[in-house]
Amino acid sequence: MKKLILIFAVLFSFLSILITSCNKDDDPTPHIEGKYHLIIDGNTVADGKTEEVGMVGNAVSISVGEDFGVLIVGVPVTTGETAQIEGADAACSVSITGKNLLDDGAGEMYFSVSGTVKRTSGSKITFEGTCSELGSSEVHTFSGYVESDIYKVI
């Protein structure tokens, strides 16, 4: 019986040391924050900071829950490089979603029609051009930027 207690005590001590040493080695979760600025038809419709940033391949996103979001596909890899937005079949596009951007209340969704996307630094991507709301033929001008250290990975 004493042998069994000794074995459990040794195992418990070993696990305690192992768990304690692992906790000390764990790195804290990095704080990723993004900035955004969006102008539509000459009016600033969104501007601020958020922790909701993402990147997959050459696509980047930034959002504030369901209130605002930008998805840019075809982001250039090299700083200073510019990609062209040329119609619905373009390899580069900008999609904008949000509430109360130009209309009152309901959600809105805008898709780029023409324009450019430029990587101005490792972390900052600017865009400008024309867009139209889903289901509408009315064309609007837009410009802005998204910025986050997470975008440096591309």
N, C-alpha and C. Protein backbone atom coordinates (compact mmCIF):
# COMPACT_ATOMS: atom_id res chain seq x y z
N MET A 1 0.82 -1.19 0.00
CA MET A 1 0.00 0.00 0.00
C MET A 1 0.86 1.26 0.00
N LYS A 2 1.95 1.25 0.81
CA LYS A 2 2.85 2.39 0.85
C LYS A 2 3.51 2.61 -0.50
N LYS A 3 3.80 1.51 -1.21
CA LYS A 3 4.42 1.60 -2.52
C LYS A 3 3.46 2.27 -3.51
N LEU A 4 2.18 1.95 -3.44
CA LEU A 4 1.17 2.52 -4.32
C LEU A 4 1.02 4.02 -4.05
N ILE A 5 1.03 4.41 -2.80
CA ILE A 5 0.93 5.83 -2.45
C ILE A 5 2.16 6.58 -2.96
N LEU A 6 3.33 5.98 -2.83
CA LEU A 6 4.56 6.59 -3.30
C LEU A 6 4.52 6.78 -4.82
N ILE A 7 4.03 5.79 -5.55
CA ILE A 7 3.94 5.89 -7.01
C ILE A 7 3.00 7.03 -7.40
N PHE A 8 1.83 7.10 -6.74
CA PHE A 8 0.89 8.19 -7.04
C PHE A 8 1.49 9.56 -6.71
N ALA A 9 2.21 9.65 -5.63
CA ALA A 9 2.83 10.91 -5.24
C ALA A 9 3.87 11.34 -6.27
N VAL A 10 4.67 10.39 -6.74
CA VAL A 10 5.69 10.71 -7.75
C VAL A 10 5.02 11.13 -9.06
N LEU A 11 4.00 10.40 -9.49
CA LEU A 11 3.28 10.75 -10.72
C LEU A 11 2.62 12.13 -10.60
N PHE A 12 2.00 12.38 -9.46
CA PHE A 12 1.35 13.67 -9.25
C PHE A 12 2.38 14.80 -9.29
N SER A 13 3.52 14.60 -8.67
CA SER A 13 4.58 15.61 -8.67
C SER A 13 5.09 15.86 -10.08
N PHE A 14 5.31 14.78 -10.82
CA PHE A 14 5.80 14.90 -12.19
C PHE A 14 4.80 15.68 -13.06
N LEU A 15 3.52 15.33 -12.96
CA LEU A 15 2.50 16.04 -13.75
C LEU A 15 2.40 17.51 -13.34
N SER A 16 2.52 17.79 -12.06
CA SER A 16 2.47 19.18 -11.59
C SER A 16 3.62 20.00 -12.17
N ILE A 17 4.80 19.43 -12.18
CA ILE A 17 5.97 20.11 -12.74
C ILE A 17 5.80 20.30 -14.24
N LEU A 18 5.32 19.28 -14.92
CA LEU A 18 5.12 19.35 -16.36
C LEU A 18 4.11 20.43 -16.73
N ILE A 19 2.99 20.47 -16.05
CA ILE A 19 1.94 21.47 -16.33
C ILE A 19 2.45 22.87 -16.03
N THR A 20 3.16 23.04 -14.92
CA THR A 20 3.69 24.34 -14.55
C THR A 20 4.70 24.82 -15.56
N SER A 21 5.58 23.97 -16.01
CA SER A 21 6.60 24.40 -16.96
C SER A 21 5.99 24.71 -18.32
N CYS A 22 4.96 24.01 -18.72
CA CYS A 22 4.30 24.31 -20.00
C CYS A 22 3.61 25.65 -19.96
N ASN A 23 2.97 25.99 -18.85
CA ASN A 23 2.30 27.28 -18.74
C ASN A 23 3.27 28.43 -18.82
N LYS A 24 4.47 28.27 -18.27
CA LYS A 24 5.46 29.34 -18.32
C LYS A 24 6.00 29.52 -19.73
N ASP A 25 6.04 28.46 -20.54
CA ASP A 25 6.57 28.54 -21.88
C ASP A 25 5.56 29.06 -22.90
N ASP A 26 4.28 29.03 -22.57
CA ASP A 26 3.26 29.46 -23.52
C ASP A 26 3.39 30.95 -23.79
N ASP A 27 3.37 31.32 -25.08
CA ASP A 27 3.40 32.72 -25.48
C ASP A 27 2.00 33.30 -25.37
N PRO A 28 1.88 34.54 -24.96
CA PRO A 28 0.56 35.15 -24.92
C PRO A 28 0.03 35.34 -26.35
N THR A 29 -1.28 35.35 -26.49
CA THR A 29 -1.90 35.56 -27.79
C THR A 29 -1.55 36.95 -28.29
N PRO A 30 -1.06 37.07 -29.54
CA PRO A 30 -0.69 38.40 -30.04
C PRO A 30 -1.94 39.27 -30.22
N HIS A 31 -1.78 40.54 -30.01
CA HIS A 31 -2.88 41.50 -30.16
C HIS A 31 -2.84 42.04 -31.59
N ILE A 32 -3.82 41.65 -32.37
CA ILE A 32 -3.90 42.10 -33.76
C ILE A 32 -5.03 43.11 -33.86
N GLU A 33 -4.70 44.29 -34.35
CA GLU A 33 -5.71 45.33 -34.52
C GLU A 33 -5.61 45.86 -35.94
N GLY A 34 -6.72 46.28 -36.47
CA GLY A 34 -6.74 46.86 -37.80
C GLY A 34 -7.43 48.20 -37.81
N LYS A 35 -7.04 49.03 -38.78
CA LYS A 35 -7.67 50.34 -38.99
C LYS A 35 -8.34 50.32 -40.35
N TYR A 36 -9.38 51.12 -40.48
CA TYR A 36 -10.07 51.21 -41.76
C TYR A 36 -10.60 52.63 -41.96
N HIS A 37 -10.77 52.99 -43.21
CA HIS A 37 -11.34 54.29 -43.58
C HIS A 37 -12.02 54.09 -44.93
N LEU A 38 -13.27 54.52 -45.04
CA LEU A 38 -14.03 54.34 -46.27
C LEU A 38 -14.82 55.60 -46.60
N ILE A 39 -14.66 56.05 -47.84
CA ILE A 39 -15.39 57.20 -48.37
C ILE A 39 -16.22 56.71 -49.54
N ILE A 40 -17.51 57.03 -49.54
CA ILE A 40 -18.39 56.74 -50.67
C ILE A 40 -19.05 58.05 -51.08
N ASP A 41 -18.97 58.35 -52.36
CA ASP A 41 -19.54 59.59 -52.92
C ASP A 41 -19.09 60.83 -52.16
N GLY A 42 -17.81 60.85 -51.76
CA GLY A 42 -17.24 62.02 -51.11
C GLY A 42 -17.51 62.14 -49.62
N ASN A 43 -18.26 61.21 -49.05
CA ASN A 43 -18.57 61.26 -47.62
C ASN A 43 -17.92 60.10 -46.88
N THR A 44 -17.29 60.38 -45.75
CA THR A 44 -16.73 59.32 -44.91
C THR A 44 -17.89 58.56 -44.29
N VAL A 45 -17.98 57.27 -44.62
CA VAL A 45 -19.08 56.44 -44.11
C VAL A 45 -18.61 55.46 -43.03
N ALA A 46 -17.30 55.23 -42.95
CA ALA A 46 -16.76 54.34 -41.92
C ALA A 46 -15.31 54.71 -41.65
N ASP A 47 -14.95 54.72 -40.37
CA ASP A 47 -13.59 55.07 -39.97
C ASP A 47 -13.39 54.56 -38.55
N GLY A 48 -12.33 53.81 -38.33
CA GLY A 48 -12.10 53.35 -36.97
C GLY A 48 -11.08 52.24 -36.87
N LYS A 49 -11.16 51.51 -35.75
CA LYS A 49 -10.26 50.40 -35.45
C LYS A 49 -11.09 49.19 -35.06
N THR A 50 -10.54 48.00 -35.30
CA THR A 50 -11.22 46.77 -34.92
C THR A 50 -10.19 45.65 -34.78
N GLU A 51 -10.57 44.61 -34.06
CA GLU A 51 -9.73 43.41 -33.95
C GLU A 51 -10.18 42.33 -34.93
N GLU A 52 -11.22 42.60 -35.71
CA GLU A 52 -11.76 41.63 -36.65
C GLU A 52 -11.07 41.80 -38.00
N VAL A 53 -9.87 41.27 -38.11
CA VAL A 53 -9.10 41.33 -39.35
C VAL A 53 -8.79 39.91 -39.80
N GLY A 54 -8.65 39.73 -41.09
CA GLY A 54 -8.35 38.40 -41.59
C GLY A 54 -7.60 38.43 -42.90
N MET A 55 -7.01 37.31 -43.24
CA MET A 55 -6.28 37.18 -44.48
C MET A 55 -6.23 35.72 -44.89
N VAL A 56 -6.55 35.45 -46.14
CA VAL A 56 -6.42 34.12 -46.71
C VAL A 56 -5.84 34.30 -48.11
N GLY A 57 -4.65 33.76 -48.34
CA GLY A 57 -4.01 33.93 -49.65
C GLY A 57 -3.81 35.40 -49.96
N ASN A 58 -4.35 35.85 -51.10
CA ASN A 58 -4.22 37.26 -51.47
C ASN A 58 -5.51 38.04 -51.20
N ALA A 59 -6.31 37.55 -50.28
CA ALA A 59 -7.55 38.23 -49.89
C ALA A 59 -7.42 38.70 -48.44
N VAL A 60 -7.84 39.94 -48.19
CA VAL A 60 -7.82 40.50 -46.84
C VAL A 60 -9.21 40.99 -46.48
N SER A 61 -9.50 40.99 -45.19
CA SER A 61 -10.80 41.47 -44.74
C SER A 61 -10.64 42.23 -43.43
N ILE A 62 -11.61 43.09 -43.19
CA ILE A 62 -11.70 43.81 -41.92
C ILE A 62 -13.18 44.06 -41.68
N SER A 63 -13.62 43.92 -40.44
CA SER A 63 -15.04 44.11 -40.17
C SER A 63 -15.27 44.56 -38.74
N VAL A 64 -16.48 45.03 -38.52
CA VAL A 64 -16.95 45.40 -37.19
C VAL A 64 -18.30 44.72 -37.03
N GLY A 65 -18.25 43.44 -36.66
CA GLY A 65 -19.48 42.65 -36.56
C GLY A 65 -20.25 42.68 -37.85
N GLU A 66 -21.56 42.90 -37.76
CA GLU A 66 -22.40 43.00 -38.95
C GLU A 66 -22.59 44.45 -39.39
N ASP A 67 -22.00 45.40 -38.65
CA ASP A 67 -22.20 46.81 -38.96
C ASP A 67 -21.36 47.29 -40.14
N PHE A 68 -20.20 46.68 -40.36
CA PHE A 68 -19.31 47.14 -41.43
C PHE A 68 -18.32 46.05 -41.79
N GLY A 69 -18.00 45.95 -43.07
CA GLY A 69 -16.98 45.01 -43.50
C GLY A 69 -16.46 45.32 -44.89
N VAL A 70 -15.19 45.04 -45.10
CA VAL A 70 -14.56 45.18 -46.43
C VAL A 70 -13.80 43.89 -46.71
N LEU A 71 -14.00 43.36 -47.91
CA LEU A 71 -13.25 42.19 -48.39
C LEU A 71 -12.56 42.60 -49.68
N ILE A 72 -11.24 42.46 -49.71
CA ILE A 72 -10.46 42.80 -50.91
C ILE A 72 -9.79 41.53 -51.40
N VAL A 73 -10.08 41.17 -52.64
CA VAL A 73 -9.50 39.98 -53.26
C VAL A 73 -8.53 40.43 -54.34
N GLY A 74 -7.39 39.76 -54.44
CA GLY A 74 -6.39 40.10 -55.45
C GLY A 74 -5.43 41.17 -54.99
N VAL A 75 -5.14 41.20 -53.70
CA VAL A 75 -4.23 42.19 -53.13
C VAL A 75 -2.82 41.95 -53.67
N PRO A 76 -2.16 42.98 -54.19
CA PRO A 76 -0.78 42.82 -54.66
C PRO A 76 0.16 42.38 -53.54
N VAL A 77 1.16 41.61 -53.89
CA VAL A 77 2.12 41.10 -52.91
C VAL A 77 3.22 42.12 -52.63
N THR A 78 3.68 42.81 -53.64
CA THR A 78 4.81 43.72 -53.53
C THR A 78 4.36 45.13 -53.15
N THR A 79 5.06 45.75 -52.21
CA THR A 79 4.78 47.13 -51.83
C THR A 79 4.95 48.04 -53.05
N GLY A 80 3.96 48.91 -53.27
CA GLY A 80 3.98 49.81 -54.41
C GLY A 80 3.25 49.27 -55.63
N GLU A 81 2.95 47.99 -55.64
CA GLU A 81 2.28 47.37 -56.78
C GLU A 81 0.78 47.71 -56.75
N THR A 82 0.19 47.87 -57.95
CA THR A 82 -1.22 48.20 -58.10
C THR A 82 -1.92 47.13 -58.92
N ALA A 83 -3.09 46.73 -58.48
CA ALA A 83 -3.92 45.77 -59.22
C ALA A 83 -5.15 46.50 -59.75
N GLN A 84 -5.58 46.13 -60.94
CA GLN A 84 -6.74 46.77 -61.59
C GLN A 84 -8.02 46.00 -61.30
N ILE A 85 -9.08 46.74 -61.04
CA ILE A 85 -10.42 46.17 -60.92
C ILE A 85 -11.09 46.43 -62.27
N GLU A 86 -11.43 45.37 -62.98
CA GLU A 86 -11.97 45.54 -64.33
C GLU A 86 -13.20 44.67 -64.53
N GLY A 87 -14.32 45.04 -63.94
CA GLY A 87 -15.57 44.33 -64.17
C GLY A 87 -15.78 43.14 -63.26
N ALA A 88 -16.87 42.43 -63.53
CA ALA A 88 -17.31 41.33 -62.67
C ALA A 88 -16.36 40.14 -62.68
N ASP A 89 -15.62 39.92 -63.76
CA ASP A 89 -14.73 38.77 -63.86
C ASP A 89 -13.28 39.09 -63.48
N ALA A 90 -13.04 40.25 -62.88
CA ALA A 90 -11.69 40.67 -62.54
C ALA A 90 -11.10 39.78 -61.44
N ALA A 91 -9.79 39.60 -61.48
CA ALA A 91 -9.09 38.85 -60.45
C ALA A 91 -8.96 39.67 -59.17
N CYS A 92 -9.22 40.97 -59.27
CA CYS A 92 -9.14 41.88 -58.15
C CYS A 92 -10.52 42.52 -57.94
N SER A 93 -10.98 42.55 -56.69
CA SER A 93 -12.29 43.17 -56.42
C SER A 93 -12.35 43.66 -54.98
N VAL A 94 -13.30 44.56 -54.75
CA VAL A 94 -13.56 45.08 -53.41
C VAL A 94 -15.05 44.92 -53.14
N SER A 95 -15.40 44.31 -52.02
CA SER A 95 -16.79 44.17 -51.59
C SER A 95 -16.94 44.89 -50.26
N ILE A 96 -18.01 45.68 -50.14
CA ILE A 96 -18.25 46.47 -48.95
C ILE A 96 -19.64 46.12 -48.42
N THR A 97 -19.74 45.80 -47.15
CA THR A 97 -21.03 45.53 -46.53
C THR A 97 -21.19 46.40 -45.30
N GLY A 98 -22.42 46.67 -44.94
CA GLY A 98 -22.63 47.45 -43.73
C GLY A 98 -24.05 47.90 -43.55
N LYS A 99 -24.27 48.56 -42.45
CA LYS A 99 -25.57 49.15 -42.13
C LYS A 99 -25.40 50.66 -42.09
N ASN A 100 -26.35 51.35 -42.63
CA ASN A 100 -26.36 52.81 -42.61
C ASN A 100 -25.15 53.43 -43.30
N LEU A 101 -24.67 52.82 -44.36
CA LEU A 101 -23.58 53.42 -45.12
C LEU A 101 -24.12 54.57 -45.97
N LEU A 102 -25.06 54.26 -46.85
CA LEU A 102 -25.71 55.30 -47.65
C LEU A 102 -27.21 55.34 -47.42
N ASP A 103 -27.80 54.21 -47.05
CA ASP A 103 -29.23 54.12 -46.80
C ASP A 103 -29.49 54.06 -45.31
N ASP A 104 -30.75 54.14 -44.92
CA ASP A 104 -31.11 54.05 -43.51
C ASP A 104 -31.49 52.63 -43.13
N GLY A 105 -30.88 52.13 -42.05
CA GLY A 105 -31.33 50.91 -41.42
C GLY A 105 -30.82 49.60 -41.97
N ALA A 106 -31.36 49.16 -43.11
CA ALA A 106 -31.10 47.81 -43.61
C ALA A 106 -29.64 47.63 -44.03
N GLY A 107 -29.25 46.38 -44.13
CA GLY A 107 -27.90 46.07 -44.58
C GLY A 107 -27.71 46.44 -46.04
N GLU A 108 -26.50 46.85 -46.37
CA GLU A 108 -26.16 47.23 -47.74
C GLU A 108 -24.95 46.42 -48.19
N MET A 109 -24.86 46.17 -49.49
CA MET A 109 -23.73 45.44 -50.04
C MET A 109 -23.35 46.09 -51.37
N TYR A 110 -22.08 46.49 -51.47
CA TYR A 110 -21.57 47.16 -52.67
C TYR A 110 -20.44 46.32 -53.25
N PHE A 111 -20.39 46.26 -54.58
CA PHE A 111 -19.35 45.53 -55.29
C PHE A 111 -18.62 46.47 -56.23
N SER A 112 -17.30 46.34 -56.28
CA SER A 112 -16.51 47.20 -57.15
C SER A 112 -16.85 46.94 -58.62
N VAL A 113 -16.85 48.03 -59.40
CA VAL A 113 -17.09 47.95 -60.84
C VAL A 113 -15.78 48.19 -61.57
N SER A 114 -15.06 49.21 -61.13
CA SER A 114 -13.76 49.53 -61.72
C SER A 114 -12.90 50.20 -60.66
N GLY A 115 -11.61 50.30 -60.92
CA GLY A 115 -10.73 50.99 -59.99
C GLY A 115 -9.41 50.29 -59.79
N THR A 116 -8.78 50.57 -58.66
CA THR A 116 -7.47 50.01 -58.35
C THR A 116 -7.37 49.63 -56.88
N VAL A 117 -6.49 48.68 -56.61
CA VAL A 117 -6.10 48.29 -55.26
C VAL A 117 -4.59 48.37 -55.21
N LYS A 118 -4.05 49.07 -54.22
CA LYS A 118 -2.60 49.27 -54.14
C LYS A 118 -2.10 48.92 -52.75
N ARG A 119 -0.98 48.18 -52.73
CA ARG A 119 -0.30 47.91 -51.45
C ARG A 119 0.69 49.06 -51.26
N THR A 120 0.36 49.96 -50.32
CA THR A 120 1.23 51.12 -50.09
C THR A 120 2.34 50.83 -49.09
N SER A 121 2.16 49.78 -48.28
CA SER A 121 3.20 49.32 -47.37
C SER A 121 2.91 47.85 -47.06
N GLY A 122 3.74 47.24 -46.26
CA GLY A 122 3.49 45.85 -45.91
C GLY A 122 2.16 45.64 -45.22
N SER A 123 1.72 46.63 -44.47
CA SER A 123 0.50 46.49 -43.68
C SER A 123 -0.70 47.28 -44.19
N LYS A 124 -0.50 48.17 -45.17
CA LYS A 124 -1.59 49.06 -45.61
C LYS A 124 -1.95 48.82 -47.07
N ILE A 125 -3.27 48.69 -47.30
CA ILE A 125 -3.79 48.49 -48.65
C ILE A 125 -4.82 49.58 -48.92
N THR A 126 -4.64 50.32 -50.01
CA THR A 126 -5.58 51.37 -50.39
C THR A 126 -6.39 50.91 -51.59
N PHE A 127 -7.56 51.51 -51.75
CA PHE A 127 -8.43 51.16 -52.88
C PHE A 127 -9.22 52.39 -53.29
N GLU A 128 -9.59 52.44 -54.57
CA GLU A 128 -10.43 53.51 -55.07
C GLU A 128 -11.06 53.07 -56.38
N GLY A 129 -12.20 53.65 -56.69
CA GLY A 129 -12.86 53.31 -57.94
C GLY A 129 -14.35 53.60 -57.88
N THR A 130 -15.08 52.77 -58.60
CA THR A 130 -16.53 52.88 -58.63
C THR A 130 -17.13 51.56 -58.16
N CYS A 131 -18.34 51.66 -57.60
CA CYS A 131 -19.03 50.47 -57.11
C CYS A 131 -20.53 50.65 -57.30
N SER A 132 -21.24 49.54 -57.22
CA SER A 132 -22.70 49.62 -57.25
C SER A 132 -23.26 48.70 -56.19
N GLU A 133 -24.44 49.07 -55.69
CA GLU A 133 -25.10 48.28 -54.66
C GLU A 133 -25.72 47.05 -55.30
N LEU A 134 -25.75 45.96 -54.56
CA LEU A 134 -26.35 44.73 -55.04
C LEU A 134 -27.78 45.00 -55.49
N GLY A 135 -28.10 44.64 -56.72
CA GLY A 135 -29.44 44.82 -57.26
C GLY A 135 -29.73 46.21 -57.81
N SER A 136 -28.72 47.05 -57.89
CA SER A 136 -28.92 48.42 -58.37
C SER A 136 -27.95 48.71 -59.51
N SER A 137 -28.36 49.57 -60.42
CA SER A 137 -27.48 49.98 -61.51
C SER A 137 -26.82 51.33 -61.21
N GLU A 138 -27.18 51.94 -60.08
CA GLU A 138 -26.59 53.23 -59.70
C GLU A 138 -25.13 53.02 -59.32
N VAL A 139 -24.25 53.87 -59.86
CA VAL A 139 -22.81 53.75 -59.62
C VAL A 139 -22.37 54.83 -58.63
N HIS A 140 -21.52 54.44 -57.68
CA HIS A 140 -20.99 55.34 -56.66
C HIS A 140 -19.46 55.34 -56.76
N THR A 141 -18.83 56.41 -56.32
CA THR A 141 -17.37 56.42 -56.20
C THR A 141 -17.02 55.98 -54.79
N PHE A 142 -15.87 55.34 -54.64
CA PHE A 142 -15.41 54.92 -53.32
C PHE A 142 -13.90 54.98 -53.25
N SER A 143 -13.40 55.15 -52.04
CA SER A 143 -11.96 55.10 -51.80
C SER A 143 -11.75 54.84 -50.31
N GLY A 144 -10.56 54.40 -49.98
CA GLY A 144 -10.26 54.16 -48.58
C GLY A 144 -9.05 53.29 -48.39
N TYR A 145 -8.91 52.78 -47.19
CA TYR A 145 -7.79 51.88 -46.88
C TYR A 145 -8.17 50.94 -45.77
N VAL A 146 -7.43 49.84 -45.71
CA VAL A 146 -7.44 48.92 -44.57
C VAL A 146 -5.99 48.73 -44.17
N GLU A 147 -5.75 48.58 -42.87
CA GLU A 147 -4.37 48.48 -42.40
C GLU A 147 -4.30 47.58 -41.18
N SER A 148 -3.36 46.63 -41.19
CA SER A 148 -3.12 45.75 -40.05
C SER A 148 -1.78 45.06 -40.23
N ASP A 149 -1.10 44.81 -39.14
CA ASP A 149 0.17 44.06 -39.21
C ASP A 149 -0.01 42.65 -39.73
N ILE A 150 -1.21 42.10 -39.60
CA ILE A 150 -1.45 40.75 -40.10
C ILE A 150 -1.29 40.68 -41.63
N TYR A 151 -1.50 41.80 -42.32
CA TYR A 151 -1.39 41.82 -43.79
C TYR A 151 0.06 41.73 -44.26
N LYS A 152 1.02 41.89 -43.36
CA LYS A 152 2.44 41.79 -43.74
C LYS A 152 2.83 40.37 -44.12
N VAL A 153 2.01 39.41 -43.81
CA VAL A 153 2.34 38.01 -44.05
C VAL A 153 2.34 37.68 -45.53
N ILE A 154 1.51 38.36 -46.33
CA ILE A 154 1.43 38.06 -47.77
C ILE A 154 2.77 38.25 -48.41
